[in-house]
C-alpha atoms as a PDB file:
ATOM      1  CA  UNK A   1     -10.142  14.471   5.529  1.00  0.00           C
ATOM      2  CA  UNK A   2     -10.790  12.529   2.354  1.00  0.00           C
ATOM      3  CA  UNK A   3     -12.212  15.574   0.554  1.00  0.00           C
ATOM      4  CA  UNK A   4      -9.034  17.557   1.258  1.00  0.00           C
ATOM      5  CA  UNK A   5      -6.813  14.927  -0.342  1.00  0.00           C
ATOM      6  CA  UNK A   6      -4.248  15.998  -2.907  1.00  0.00           C
ATOM      7  CA  UNK A   7      -3.490  13.446  -5.620  1.00  0.00           C
ATOM      8  CA  UNK A   8      -0.691  13.203  -8.182  1.00  0.00           C
ATOM      9  CA  UNK A   9      -1.743  11.590 -11.497  1.00  0.00           C
ATOM     10  CA  UNK A  10       1.194  10.306 -13.566  1.00  0.00           C
ATOM     11  CA  UNK A  11       0.645   9.085 -17.143  1.00  0.00           C
ATOM     12  CA  UNK A  12       2.249   9.930 -20.472  1.00  0.00           C
ATOM     13  CA  UNK A  13      -1.172   9.910 -22.185  1.00  0.00           C
ATOM     14  CA  UNK A  14      -2.936  13.239 -21.776  1.00  0.00           C
ATOM     15  CA  UNK A  15      -6.393  11.739 -22.372  1.00  0.00           C
ATOM     16  CA  UNK A  16      -5.930   9.366 -19.430  1.00  0.00           C
ATOM     17  CA  UNK A  17      -4.725  12.165 -17.162  1.00  0.00           C
ATOM     18  CA  UNK A  18      -7.701  14.323 -18.159  1.00  0.00           C
ATOM     19  CA  UNK A  19     -10.161  11.458 -17.605  1.00  0.00           C
ATOM     20  CA  UNK A  20      -8.820  10.669 -14.148  1.00  0.00           C
ATOM     21  CA  UNK A  21      -8.627  14.334 -13.228  1.00  0.00           C
ATOM     22  CA  UNK A  22     -12.246  14.881 -14.243  1.00  0.00           C
ATOM     23  CA  UNK A  23     -13.566  11.982 -12.147  1.00  0.00           C
ATOM     24  CA  UNK A  24     -11.375  12.707  -9.127  1.00  0.00           C
ATOM     25  CA  UNK A  25     -12.191  16.419  -9.111  1.00  0.00           C
ATOM     26  CA  UNK A  26     -15.871  15.488  -9.004  1.00  0.00           C
ATOM     27  CA  UNK A  27     -15.063  13.978  -5.599  1.00  0.00           C
ATOM     28  CA  UNK A  28     -13.446  17.283  -4.518  1.00  0.00           C
ATOM     29  CA  UNK A  29      -9.875  15.971  -4.702  1.00  0.00           C
ATOM     30  CA  UNK A  30      -7.094  18.368  -5.660  1.00  0.00           C
ATOM     31  CA  UNK A  31      -5.170  17.024  -8.668  1.00  0.00           C
ATOM     32  CA  UNK A  32      -1.632  17.579  -9.925  1.00  0.00           C
ATOM     33  CA  UNK A  33      -0.351  15.960 -13.127  1.00  0.00           C
ATOM     34  CA  UNK A  34       2.954  14.622 -14.438  1.00  0.00           C
ATOM     35  CA  UNK A  35       3.630  13.204 -17.893  1.00  0.00           C
ATOM     36  CA  UNK A  36       6.944  11.432 -17.318  1.00  0.00           C
ATOM     37  CA  UNK A  37       8.950   9.760 -14.573  1.00  0.00           C
ATOM     38  CA  UNK A  38      11.385  12.591 -13.909  1.00  0.00           C
ATOM     39  CA  UNK A  39       8.606  15.142 -13.438  1.00  0.00           C
ATOM     40  CA  UNK A  40       6.646  12.699 -11.273  1.00  0.00           C
ATOM     41  CA  UNK A  41       9.603  12.016  -8.987  1.00  0.00           C
ATOM     42  CA  UNK A  42      10.375  15.702  -8.578  1.00  0.00           C
ATOM     43  CA  UNK A  43       6.774  16.493  -7.604  1.00  0.00           C
ATOM     44  CA  UNK A  44       6.387  13.431  -5.377  1.00  0.00           C
ATOM     45  CA  UNK A  45       9.484  14.268  -3.339  1.00  0.00           C
ATOM     46  CA  UNK A  46       8.853  18.010  -3.190  1.00  0.00           C
ATOM     47  CA  UNK A  47       5.135  17.972  -2.365  1.00  0.00           C
ATOM     48  CA  UNK A  48       3.132  15.997   0.181  1.00  0.00           C
ATOM     49  CA  UNK A  49       0.482  14.003  -1.665  1.00  0.00           C
ATOM     50  CA  UNK A  50      -2.232  11.891  -0.097  1.00  0.00           C
ATOM     51  CA  UNK A  51      -1.875   9.324  -2.887  1.00  0.00           C
ATOM     52  CA  UNK A  52      -0.091   8.874  -6.231  1.00  0.00           C
ATOM     53  CA  UNK A  53      -1.593   7.243  -9.341  1.00  0.00           C
ATOM     54  CA  UNK A  54       1.464   6.046 -11.246  1.00  0.00           C
ATOM     55  CA  UNK A  55       1.548   4.592 -14.759  1.00  0.00           C
ATOM     56  CA  UNK A  56       3.959   1.677 -14.967  1.00  0.00           C
ATOM     57  CA  UNK A  57       5.127   2.269 -18.549  1.00  0.00           C
ATOM     58  CA  UNK A  58       6.558   5.779 -18.787  1.00  0.00           C
ATOM     59  CA  UNK A  59       9.128   7.239 -21.176  1.00  0.00           C
ATOM     60  CA  UNK A  60      12.609   7.540 -19.676  1.00  0.00           C
ATOM     61  CA  UNK A  61      12.336   6.636 -16.006  1.00  0.00           C
ATOM     62  CA  UNK A  62       9.567   4.007 -15.742  1.00  0.00           C
ATOM     63  CA  UNK A  63       7.026   3.618 -12.967  1.00  0.00           C
ATOM     64  CA  UNK A  64       9.012   0.911 -11.182  1.00  0.00           C
ATOM     65  CA  UNK A  65      12.046   3.157 -10.760  1.00  0.00           C
ATOM     66  CA  UNK A  66       9.894   6.139  -9.784  1.00  0.00           C
ATOM     67  CA  UNK A  67       8.201   4.007  -7.126  1.00  0.00           C
ATOM     68  CA  UNK A  68      11.512   2.704  -5.786  1.00  0.00           C
ATOM     69  CA  UNK A  69      12.995   6.178  -5.518  1.00  0.00           C
ATOM     70  CA  UNK A  70       9.893   7.579  -3.813  1.00  0.00           C
ATOM     71  CA  UNK A  71      10.026   4.715  -1.309  1.00  0.00           C
ATOM     72  CA  UNK A  72      13.596   5.653  -0.385  1.00  0.00           C
ATOM     73  CA  UNK A  73      12.219   8.830   1.188  1.00  0.00           C
ATOM     74  CA  UNK A  74       8.440   8.631   1.549  1.00  0.00           C
ATOM     75  CA  UNK A  75       5.623   6.202   2.348  1.00  0.00           C
ATOM     76  CA  UNK A  76       2.993   7.964   0.204  1.00  0.00           C
ATOM     77  CA  UNK A  77       0.375   5.394  -0.940  1.00  0.00           C
ATOM     78  CA  UNK A  78       0.916   4.483  -4.608  1.00  0.00           C
ATOM     79  CA  UNK A  79      -1.553   2.883  -7.039  1.00  0.00           C
ATOM     80  CA  UNK A  80       0.088   1.504 -10.190  1.00  0.00           C
ATOM     81  CA  UNK A  81      -1.707   1.821 -13.532  1.00  0.00           C
ATOM     82  CA  UNK A  82      -0.754  -1.201 -15.647  1.00  0.00           C
ATOM     83  CA  UNK A  83      -1.714  -2.680 -19.022  1.00  0.00           C
ATOM     84  CA  UNK A  84      -3.087  -6.191 -19.458  1.00  0.00           C
ATOM     85  CA  UNK A  85      -0.460  -8.881 -19.855  1.00  0.00           C
ATOM     86  CA  UNK A  86       2.032  -7.151 -17.556  1.00  0.00           C
ATOM     87  CA  UNK A  87       1.662  -9.514 -14.599  1.00  0.00           C
ATOM     88  CA  UNK A  88       5.411  -9.773 -14.008  1.00  0.00           C
ATOM     89  CA  UNK A  89       5.720  -5.997 -14.057  1.00  0.00           C
ATOM     90  CA  UNK A  90       2.841  -5.691 -11.605  1.00  0.00           C
ATOM     91  CA  UNK A  91       4.653  -8.005  -9.200  1.00  0.00           C
ATOM     92  CA  UNK A  92       7.791  -5.903  -9.630  1.00  0.00           C
ATOM     93  CA  UNK A  93       5.664  -2.863  -8.863  1.00  0.00           C
ATOM     94  CA  UNK A  94       4.516  -4.358  -5.571  1.00  0.00           C
ATOM     95  CA  UNK A  95       8.075  -5.301  -4.699  1.00  0.00           C
ATOM     96  CA  UNK A  96       9.142  -1.730  -5.466  1.00  0.00           C
ATOM     97  CA  UNK A  97       6.602  -0.457  -2.947  1.00  0.00           C
ATOM     98  CA  UNK A  98       3.252   0.003  -4.716  1.00  0.00           C
ATOM     99  CA  UNK A  99       0.158  -0.458  -2.542  1.00  0.00           C
ATOM    100  CA  UNK A 100      -2.335  -1.412  -5.247  1.00  0.00           C
ATOM    101  CA  UNK A 101      -2.791  -1.559  -9.004  1.00  0.00           C
ATOM    102  CA  UNK A 102      -5.487  -0.970 -11.604  1.00  0.00           C
ATOM    103  CA  UNK A 103      -5.395  -2.665 -15.018  1.00  0.00           C
ATOM    104  CA  UNK A 104      -5.950  -0.664 -18.217  1.00  0.00           C
ATOM    105  CA  UNK A 105      -8.428  -0.230 -19.746  1.00  0.00           C
ATOM    106  CA  UNK A 106     -10.040   0.651 -16.441  1.00  0.00           C
ATOM    107  CA  UNK A 107     -13.277   2.128 -15.229  1.00  0.00           C
ATOM    108  CA  UNK A 108     -12.667   5.606 -13.764  1.00  0.00           C
ATOM    109  CA  UNK A 109     -15.186   4.702 -11.074  1.00  0.00           C
ATOM    110  CA  UNK A 110     -13.012   1.744 -10.050  1.00  0.00           C
ATOM    111  CA  UNK A 111     -10.021   4.071  -9.723  1.00  0.00           C
ATOM    112  CA  UNK A 112     -12.063   6.423  -7.529  1.00  0.00           C
ATOM    113  CA  UNK A 113     -13.134   3.425  -5.409  1.00  0.00           C
ATOM    114  CA  UNK A 114      -9.529   2.290  -4.949  1.00  0.00           C
ATOM    115  CA  UNK A 115      -8.396   5.827  -4.100  1.00  0.00           C
ATOM    116  CA  UNK A 116     -11.127   6.259  -1.491  1.00  0.00           C
ATOM    117  CA  UNK A 117     -10.436   2.844   0.036  1.00  0.00           C
ATOM    118  CA  UNK A 118      -6.751   3.613   0.480  1.00  0.00           C
ATOM    119  CA  UNK A 119      -7.384   7.113   1.796  1.00  0.00           C
ATOM    120  CA  UNK A 120      -9.922   5.848   4.332  1.00  0.00           C
ATOM    121  CA  UNK A 121      -7.822   3.011   5.645  1.00  0.00           C
ATOM    122  CA  UNK A 122      -4.183   3.721   4.887  1.00  0.00           C
ATOM    123  CA  UNK A 123      -3.545   7.297   5.960  1.00  0.00           C
ATOM    124  CA  UNK A 124      -2.053   8.017   9.352  1.00  0.00           C
ATOM    125  CA  UNK A 125      -5.150  10.067  10.195  1.00  0.00           C
ATOM    126  CA  UNK A 126      -7.407   7.127   9.436  1.00  0.00           C
ATOM    127  CA  UNK A 127      -5.405   4.896  11.747  1.00  0.00           C
ATOM    128  CA  UNK A 128      -5.931   7.281  14.619  1.00  0.00           C
ATOM    129  CA  UNK A 129      -9.677   7.195  13.970  1.00  0.00           C
ATOM    130  CA  UNK A 130     -10.145   3.439  13.517  1.00  0.00           C
ATOM    131  CA  UNK A 131     -12.352   1.785  16.082  1.00  0.00           C
ATOM    132  CA  UNK A 132      -9.683  -0.205  17.882  1.00  0.00           C
ATOM    133  CA  UNK A 133     -10.147  -1.032  21.523  1.00  0.00           C
ATOM    134  CA  UNK A 134      -7.793   0.886  23.843  1.00  0.00           C
ATOM    135  CA  UNK A 135      -6.127  -2.391  24.870  1.00  0.00           C
ATOM    136  CA  UNK A 136      -5.111  -2.848  21.243  1.00  0.00           C
ATOM    137  CA  UNK A 137      -3.445   0.556  20.847  1.00  0.00           C
ATOM    138  CA  UNK A 138      -0.073  -1.090  21.548  1.00  0.00           C
ATOM    139  CA  UNK A 139       0.494  -4.734  20.586  1.00  0.00           C
ATOM    140  CA  UNK A 140       3.550  -6.250  22.236  1.00  0.00           C
ATOM    141  CA  UNK A 141       5.143  -9.581  21.306  1.00  0.00           C
ATOM    142  CA  UNK A 142       8.559 -11.062  22.085  1.00  0.00           C
ATOM    143  CA  UNK A 143      10.305  -9.554  19.050  1.00  0.00           C
ATOM    144  CA  UNK A 144       7.664  -7.189  17.712  1.00  0.00           C
ATOM    145  CA  UNK A 145       5.848  -4.111  19.009  1.00  0.00           C
ATOM    146  CA  UNK A 146       3.114  -2.230  17.122  1.00  0.00           C
ATOM    147  CA  UNK A 147       2.143   1.171  18.502  1.00  0.00           C
ATOM    148  CA  UNK A 148      -1.115   1.893  16.695  1.00  0.00           C
ATOM    149  CA  UNK A 149      -1.533   5.458  17.960  1.00  0.00           C
ATOM    150  CA  UNK A 150       1.994   6.416  16.901  1.00  0.00           C
ATOM    151  CA  UNK A 151       1.697   4.287  13.740  1.00  0.00           C
ATOM    152  CA  UNK A 152       5.091   2.760  14.594  1.00  0.00           C
ATOM    153  CA  UNK A 153       6.525  -0.749  14.329  1.00  0.00           C
ATOM    154  CA  UNK A 154       9.541  -1.923  16.344  1.00  0.00           C
ATOM    155  CA  UNK A 155      11.293  -5.216  15.595  1.00  0.00           C
ATOM    156  CA  UNK A 156      13.702  -6.292  18.353  1.00  0.00           C
ATOM    157  CA  UNK A 157      13.660  -2.683  19.536  1.00  0.00           C
ATOM    158  CA  UNK A 158      14.478  -1.099  16.164  1.00  0.00           C
ATOM    159  CA  UNK A 159      11.951   0.899  14.148  1.00  0.00           C
ATOM    160  CA  UNK A 160      10.862  -0.548  10.804  1.00  0.00           C
ATOM    161  CA  UNK A 161       9.782   1.811   8.023  1.00  0.00           C
ATOM    162  CA  UNK A 162       6.637   0.372   6.406  1.00  0.00           C
ATOM    163  CA  UNK A 163       4.293   1.694   3.731  1.00  0.00           C
ATOM    164  CA  UNK A 164       0.699   2.341   4.854  1.00  0.00           C
ATOM    165  CA  UNK A 165      -0.544  -0.912   3.318  1.00  0.00           C
ATOM    166  CA  UNK A 166       2.308  -2.976   4.784  1.00  0.00           C
ATOM    167  CA  UNK A 167       1.528  -1.515   8.192  1.00  0.00           C
ATOM    168  CA  UNK A 168      -2.177  -2.222   7.877  1.00  0.00           C
ATOM    169  CA  UNK A 169      -1.518  -5.829   6.825  1.00  0.00           C
ATOM    170  CA  UNK A 170       0.829  -6.442   9.767  1.00  0.00           C
ATOM    171  CA  UNK A 171      -1.497  -4.762  12.244  1.00  0.00           C
ATOM    172  CA  UNK A 172      -4.464  -6.796  10.974  1.00  0.00           C
ATOM    173  CA  UNK A 173      -2.580 -10.085  11.434  1.00  0.00           C
ATOM    174  CA  UNK A 174      -1.308  -8.985  14.842  1.00  0.00           C
ATOM    175  CA  UNK A 175      -4.805  -8.271  16.154  1.00  0.00           C
ATOM    176  CA  UNK A 176      -5.521 -12.021  15.916  1.00  0.00           C
ATOM    177  CA  UNK A 177      -2.211 -13.799  16.616  1.00  0.00           C
ATOM    178  CA  UNK A 178      -1.992 -17.434  15.486  1.00  0.00           C
ATOM    179  CA  UNK A 179      -5.232 -17.122  13.512  1.00  0.00           C
ATOM    180  CA  UNK A 180      -4.860 -18.187   9.868  1.00  0.00           C
ATOM    181  CA  UNK A 181      -6.319 -15.825   7.256  1.00  0.00           C
ATOM    182  CA  UNK A 182      -6.908 -16.833   3.657  1.00  0.00           C
ATOM    183  CA  UNK A 183      -5.704 -14.573   0.861  1.00  0.00           C
ATOM    184  CA  UNK A 184      -9.342 -13.862   0.012  1.00  0.00           C
ATOM    185  CA  UNK A 185     -10.045 -12.726   3.581  1.00  0.00           C
ATOM    186  CA  UNK A 186      -7.022 -10.440   3.554  1.00  0.00           C
ATOM    187  CA  UNK A 187      -8.041  -8.916   0.212  1.00  0.00           C
ATOM    188  CA  UNK A 188     -11.484  -8.206   1.616  1.00  0.00           C
ATOM    189  CA  UNK A 189     -10.485  -6.943   5.060  1.00  0.00           C
ATOM    190  CA  UNK A 190      -7.170  -5.173   4.368  1.00  0.00           C
ATOM    191  CA  UNK A 191      -7.661  -4.039   0.769  1.00  0.00           C
ATOM    192  CA  UNK A 192     -11.462  -3.751   1.196  1.00  0.00           C
ATOM    193  CA  UNK A 193     -12.238  -5.423  -2.109  1.00  0.00           C
ATOM    194  CA  UNK A 194     -15.829  -6.571  -2.355  1.00  0.00           C
ATOM    195  CA  UNK A 195     -14.918  -8.222  -5.662  1.00  0.00           C
ATOM    196  CA  UNK A 196     -12.338 -10.859  -6.548  1.00  0.00           C
ATOM    197  CA  UNK A 197      -8.858  -9.427  -6.764  1.00  0.00           C
ATOM    198  CA  UNK A 198      -5.422 -10.726  -7.700  1.00  0.00           C
ATOM    199  CA  UNK A 199      -4.267 -13.005  -4.864  1.00  0.00           C
ATOM    200  CA  UNK A 200      -0.658 -12.215  -5.793  1.00  0.00           C
ATOM    201  CA  UNK A 201      -1.304  -8.790  -4.289  1.00  0.00           C
ATOM    202  CA  UNK A 202      -1.304 -10.423  -0.859  1.00  0.00           C
ATOM    203  CA  UNK A 203       1.711 -12.636  -1.579  1.00  0.00           C
ATOM    204  CA  UNK A 204       3.930  -9.791  -2.735  1.00  0.00           C
ATOM    205  CA  UNK A 205       3.021  -7.604   0.256  1.00  0.00           C
ATOM    206  CA  UNK A 206       3.746 -10.478   2.646  1.00  0.00           C
ATOM    207  CA  UNK A 207       7.109 -11.018   0.934  1.00  0.00           C
ATOM    208  CA  UNK A 208       8.011  -7.327   1.188  1.00  0.00           C
ATOM    209  CA  UNK A 209       6.874  -7.167   4.811  1.00  0.00           C
ATOM    210  CA  UNK A 210       9.065 -10.144   5.732  1.00  0.00           C
ATOM    211  CA  UNK A 211      12.062  -8.645   3.922  1.00  0.00           C
ATOM    212  CA  UNK A 212      11.765  -5.348   5.795  1.00  0.00           C
ATOM    213  CA  UNK A 213      11.390  -7.063   9.160  1.00  0.00           C
ATOM    214  CA  UNK A 214      14.262  -9.435   8.378  1.00  0.00           C
ATOM    215  CA  UNK A 215      16.670  -6.539   7.788  1.00  0.00           C
ATOM    216  CA  UNK A 216      16.171  -5.553  11.406  1.00  0.00           C
ATOM    217  CA  UNK A 217      15.124  -8.775  13.143  1.00  0.00           C
ATOM    218  CA  UNK A 218      15.040 -12.262  11.553  1.00  0.00           C
ATOM    219  CA  UNK A 219      13.064 -13.439  14.601  1.00  0.00           C
ATOM    220  CA  UNK A 220      10.322 -10.895  13.900  1.00  0.00           C
ATOM    221  CA  UNK A 221      10.274 -11.806  10.200  1.00  0.00           C
ATOM    222  CA  UNK A 222       9.738 -15.486  11.052  1.00  0.00           C
ATOM    223  CA  UNK A 223       6.549 -14.558  12.890  1.00  0.00           C
ATOM    224  CA  UNK A 224       4.864 -13.925   9.504  1.00  0.00           C
ATOM    225  CA  UNK A 225       4.075 -17.578   8.817  1.00  0.00           C
ATOM    226  CA  UNK A 226       2.762 -19.209   5.648  1.00  0.00           C
ATOM    227  CA  UNK A 227       0.185 -21.941   6.135  1.00  0.00           C
ATOM    228  CA  UNK A 228       0.514 -23.819   2.849  1.00  0.00           C
ATOM    229  CA  UNK A 229      -2.708 -24.199   0.929  1.00  0.00           C
ATOM    230  CA  UNK A 230      -4.555 -21.845   3.280  1.00  0.00           C
ATOM    231  CA  UNK A 231      -2.978 -18.428   3.846  1.00  0.00           C
ATOM    232  CA  UNK A 232      -0.977 -16.480   6.419  1.00  0.00           C
ATOM    233  CA  UNK A 233      -0.836 -15.802  10.148  1.00  0.00           C
ATOM    234  CA  UNK A 234       1.206 -13.958  12.752  1.00  0.00           C
ATOM    235  CA  UNK A 235       2.774 -16.827  14.681  1.00  0.00           C
ATOM    236  CA  UNK A 236       3.635 -16.090  18.291  1.00  0.00           C
ATOM    237  CA  UNK A 237       6.697 -17.972  19.602  1.00  0.00           C
ATOM    238  CA  UNK A 238       5.748 -20.427  22.312  1.00  0.00           C
END
């Protein structure tokens, strides 16, 4: 349940940690804190968090490396906290495995919104509760199988380890094969943004999704097709 969620807040500025903790505890979340990358990584790997808020610029081990090392072992949803003017670093964050980002200075209410959106739609429990028709519980294509109940993806018979957001993006495309979705539509329906977001968010997740599929099955990776000037689709081989 969303109210039982346990969240790790990672930032080297105590005032930011306190601010986020105050707002998140108002929503009945349980909060742990870390002030540097080493402490964050230790907690993230030892404990089971529902979500991690991770500052990109940390002393010692930065947020990118922390994210990469978490992703080697866990698929915990991660929201990056980044400063303005760090667009390249934000892209690197997505490529390292982050699910979302919030730009400083931020509204604490926006952070709470992002946290709730990810918890509602990206947790394994949420997937089991989504209103998907029984016929869509397992989607089978020539080189790709998505078992929605088991939250599992197989490419050419081999399991692919995806983050919650990568899985949700792939599953969304697979529900409407050969239909082209714009980046704006994907931001709204997969990330649940009712406001304009950074379209690069979609591009970097598509890139990462293709790379993970390609390691196991190049044929499956080629199914994620770019329609230039429009968006993306899951292309079914004829």
